[in-house]
Protein backbone atom coordinates (compact mmCIF):
# COMPACT_ATOMS: atom_id res chain seq x y z
CA VAL A 1 -75.02 46.12 35.74
CA ASN A 2 -76.88 45.85 32.47
CA SER A 3 -74.73 48.21 30.41
CA ASP A 4 -73.40 46.00 27.57
CA GLY A 5 -69.93 45.92 29.15
CA GLY A 6 -69.89 49.72 29.48
CA ARG A 7 -71.21 50.65 26.04
CA ASP A 8 -74.66 51.71 27.31
CA CYS A 9 -73.72 53.01 30.75
CA PRO A 10 -75.55 56.13 31.95
CA SER A 11 -73.38 58.67 33.80
CA GLU A 12 -75.09 58.03 37.18
CA THR A 13 -74.38 54.29 36.86
CA MET A 14 -70.79 55.05 35.85
CA SER A 15 -70.39 57.22 38.97
CA ARG A 16 -71.64 54.39 41.20
CA ILE A 17 -69.34 51.89 39.53
CA MET A 18 -66.34 54.20 39.91
CA GLU A 19 -67.13 54.64 43.64
CA GLN A 20 -67.16 50.87 44.11
CA VAL A 21 -63.97 50.50 42.09
CA ARG A 22 -62.21 52.99 44.40
CA VAL A 23 -63.41 51.02 47.45
CA LEU A 24 -61.99 47.82 45.99
CA GLU A 25 -58.72 49.49 44.95
CA ASN A 26 -58.24 50.76 48.51
CA SER A 27 -58.56 47.20 49.80
CA ASN A 28 -56.34 45.57 47.15
CA PRO A 29 -55.00 42.30 48.65
CA THR A 30 -52.24 41.96 46.01
CA LYS A 31 -49.70 44.78 46.14
CA LYS A 32 -47.48 43.53 43.27
CA GLY A 33 -50.36 42.73 40.95
CA ALA A 34 -48.64 42.93 37.56
CA ARG A 35 -46.04 40.34 38.56
CA SER A 36 -48.38 38.11 40.59
CA THR A 37 -49.12 34.56 39.45
CA LEU A 38 -52.78 35.45 40.07
CA MET A 39 -52.58 37.20 36.67
CA LEU A 40 -52.24 33.84 34.93
CA GLY A 41 -55.23 32.44 33.09
CA ARG A 42 -57.89 33.85 30.81
CA TRP A 43 -59.71 36.99 31.97
CA SER A 44 -62.82 38.48 30.34
CA CYS A 45 -63.30 42.23 30.38
CA SER A 46 -66.78 42.49 31.86
CA PHE A 47 -66.81 46.29 32.07
CA THR A 48 -64.80 49.19 30.66
CA ASN A 49 -65.19 52.84 29.78
CA SER A 50 -62.62 52.52 26.99
CA PRO A 51 -64.23 53.74 23.77
CA GLU A 52 -61.46 52.00 21.85
CA LEU A 53 -62.09 48.57 23.35
CA LEU A 54 -65.87 49.02 23.15
CA GLY A 55 -65.61 50.17 19.54
CA THR A 56 -67.53 53.39 20.17
CA GLU A 57 -64.97 56.03 19.19
CA GLY A 58 -65.10 57.91 15.90
CA LEU A 59 -66.00 56.10 12.72
CA ASN A 60 -65.40 52.57 13.89
CA ILE A 61 -66.60 49.99 11.39
CA VAL A 62 -65.24 47.16 13.54
CA LYS A 63 -67.66 46.60 16.41
CA ARG A 64 -66.80 44.15 19.14
CA SER A 65 -68.82 40.93 19.09
CA GLY A 66 -68.81 39.17 22.44
CA PRO A 67 -66.42 39.54 25.35
CA VAL A 68 -62.81 40.69 25.11
CA PHE A 69 -60.34 38.31 26.74
CA PHE A 70 -56.86 39.04 28.10
CA CYS A 71 -54.34 36.32 28.94
CA TYR A 72 -50.91 36.91 30.46
CA ASP A 73 -47.73 34.83 30.23
CA LEU A 74 -45.41 36.09 32.96
CA ASP A 75 -42.48 33.90 31.84
CA THR A 76 -42.27 35.20 28.26
CA GLU A 77 -43.77 38.61 29.20
CA ARG A 78 -46.49 38.38 26.57
CA CYS A 79 -50.16 39.27 26.65
CA GLU A 80 -52.82 37.82 24.38
CA ILE A 81 -55.84 40.03 23.63
CA ASP A 82 -58.77 38.29 21.98
CA ARG A 83 -61.23 40.91 20.73
CA GLY A 84 -63.39 38.48 18.78
CA TRP A 85 -64.37 38.66 15.15
CA PRO A 86 -62.98 40.12 12.91
CA LEU A 87 -59.82 41.19 14.82
CA ARG A 88 -59.35 37.94 16.69
CA ARG A 89 -56.21 37.58 18.73
CA LEU A 90 -53.44 40.13 19.19
CA CYS A 91 -50.25 39.11 20.96
CA ALA A 92 -48.41 41.93 22.67
CA GLN A 93 -45.02 42.15 24.32
CA MET A 94 -45.21 43.23 27.97
CA THR A 95 -42.70 45.58 29.57
CA TYR A 96 -42.97 45.99 33.33
CA THR A 97 -42.80 49.60 34.48
CA SER A 98 -43.31 48.70 38.16
CA ASN A 99 -44.55 45.77 40.24
CA ALA A 100 -48.11 46.95 39.61
CA ALA A 101 -47.88 48.22 36.02
CA PHE A 102 -46.83 47.25 32.53
CA ASP A 103 -46.85 48.58 28.98
CA LEU A 104 -48.03 46.57 25.98
CA GLU A 105 -46.28 46.77 22.62
CA ILE A 106 -49.11 45.77 20.29
CA PRO A 107 -48.25 44.92 16.68
CA SER A 108 -50.51 45.73 13.75
CA ALA A 109 -53.78 43.80 13.62
CA ARG A 110 -55.10 41.77 10.73
CA VAL A 111 -58.72 42.47 9.76
CA LEU A 112 -60.23 40.21 7.13
CA GLY A 113 -56.69 39.23 6.10
CA ILE A 114 -55.51 42.84 5.71
CA SER A 115 -52.78 44.18 7.98
CA MET A 116 -54.04 47.31 9.75
CA PRO A 117 -51.41 49.83 10.92
CA ALA A 118 -50.71 49.70 14.64
CA LYS A 119 -51.83 52.64 16.74
CA SER A 120 -48.94 54.07 18.71
CA GLN A 121 -51.01 54.36 21.92
CA ARG A 122 -54.17 52.48 22.77
CA ASP A 123 -56.26 53.03 25.88
CA TYR A 124 -54.90 49.70 27.13
CA SER A 125 -51.25 50.19 26.03
CA SER A 126 -50.26 50.97 29.62
CA LEU A 127 -52.07 49.21 32.45
CA ILE A 128 -51.83 49.55 36.21
CA VAL A 129 -53.23 46.60 38.15
CA THR A 130 -55.09 48.35 40.98
CA TYR A 131 -56.95 45.32 42.36
CA LEU A 132 -56.29 41.59 42.00
CA ASP A 133 -57.64 38.49 43.67
CA LEU A 134 -58.52 34.97 42.47
CA ASP A 135 -61.68 36.08 40.65
CA LEU A 136 -61.42 39.81 39.96
CA GLN A 137 -58.85 42.10 38.34
CA ILE A 138 -59.18 45.87 37.99
CA CYS A 139 -56.79 47.85 35.81
CA ARG A 140 -56.48 51.50 34.92
CA GLY A 141 -55.25 52.53 31.50
CA LEU A 142 -54.51 55.62 29.47
CA ASN A 143 -57.06 58.46 29.25
CA ASP A 144 -58.59 57.55 32.63
CA THR A 145 -59.93 54.21 31.38
CA ILE A 146 -61.02 51.45 33.72
CA TYR A 147 -61.05 47.73 33.03
CA ILE A 148 -62.87 45.22 35.21
CA PHE A 149 -61.92 41.62 34.46
CA ILE A 150 -63.47 38.38 35.67
CA GLN A 151 -61.35 35.23 35.81
CA ASN A 152 -62.73 32.73 33.29
CA ASP A 153 -60.11 30.01 33.23
CA PRO A 154 -57.20 30.10 35.70
CA LEU A 155 -55.53 27.14 33.90
CA TYR A 156 -55.56 28.71 30.41
CA ARG A 157 -52.07 29.26 29.00
CA MET A 158 -50.93 30.96 25.82
CA ASP A 159 -49.51 28.83 23.01
CA ALA A 160 -45.77 29.43 23.32
CA SER A 161 -45.18 28.65 19.63
CA GLN A 162 -47.32 31.55 18.36
CA SER A 163 -46.12 35.13 18.45
CA ASP A 164 -48.75 36.71 16.11
CA GLY A 165 -46.71 39.58 14.83
CA ILE A 166 -44.31 40.04 17.73
CA ASP A 167 -40.80 40.51 16.46
CA PRO A 168 -39.05 37.13 17.08
CA LYS A 169 -35.91 39.06 18.16
CA LEU A 170 -37.91 40.51 21.07
CA LEU A 171 -38.87 36.99 22.19
CA GLN A 172 -35.27 35.75 21.89
CA ASN A 173 -34.04 38.51 24.21
CA LYS A 174 -36.37 37.38 27.01
C-alpha cells in the first residue's frame, strides 16, 4: 500500500486494510501476545491510522521523518519508541493489563534539548496485541487506532543502562 505509512490513505483503501486486519486478527496464532517472546526485537510501524504517531493532528510542528520503531524488553517491562528526529527515543514503562494488552507510561519528551510536557494519554498509551507471529504484529490502541508492525531485527535488545526519563524507582521495583 502506497500510503506513506497511513498518512495519505484514502478511505476506500483504509476500509480494505481494516478488512484484512480483521481476517488476520481472527487467525491470530499467538493468544498471549503481549507476554510472548515473539515481541522481542525491533519492530517498525509500517502502517497506522494514528494521527498522533503520523504527526497529522492539530498544529503539529514536529513531523515524523522515517519509520517509527518499537522495541520491547519483557524482563524489565520497558518499551522503547524511536520516532526519529527531532524526538528520537522515548523509553516507557510497561504495565500488563492482560496477557494480550499493556499500558505505556511515557515520560516527557525532549525536542531540540527542551523537555516537552508529557501527554496524559496518547493513541498508543494502551495497546492490545491482536495478531503476532515471527514477522508481523498488529496492535489496537486508544481512539480506534491500528498499528501494523514489521519485524526488523529479532535480535535487537534495549540498552539496560538507559532509562531515558523513566523514574529509577519504577525500575528498582521490577
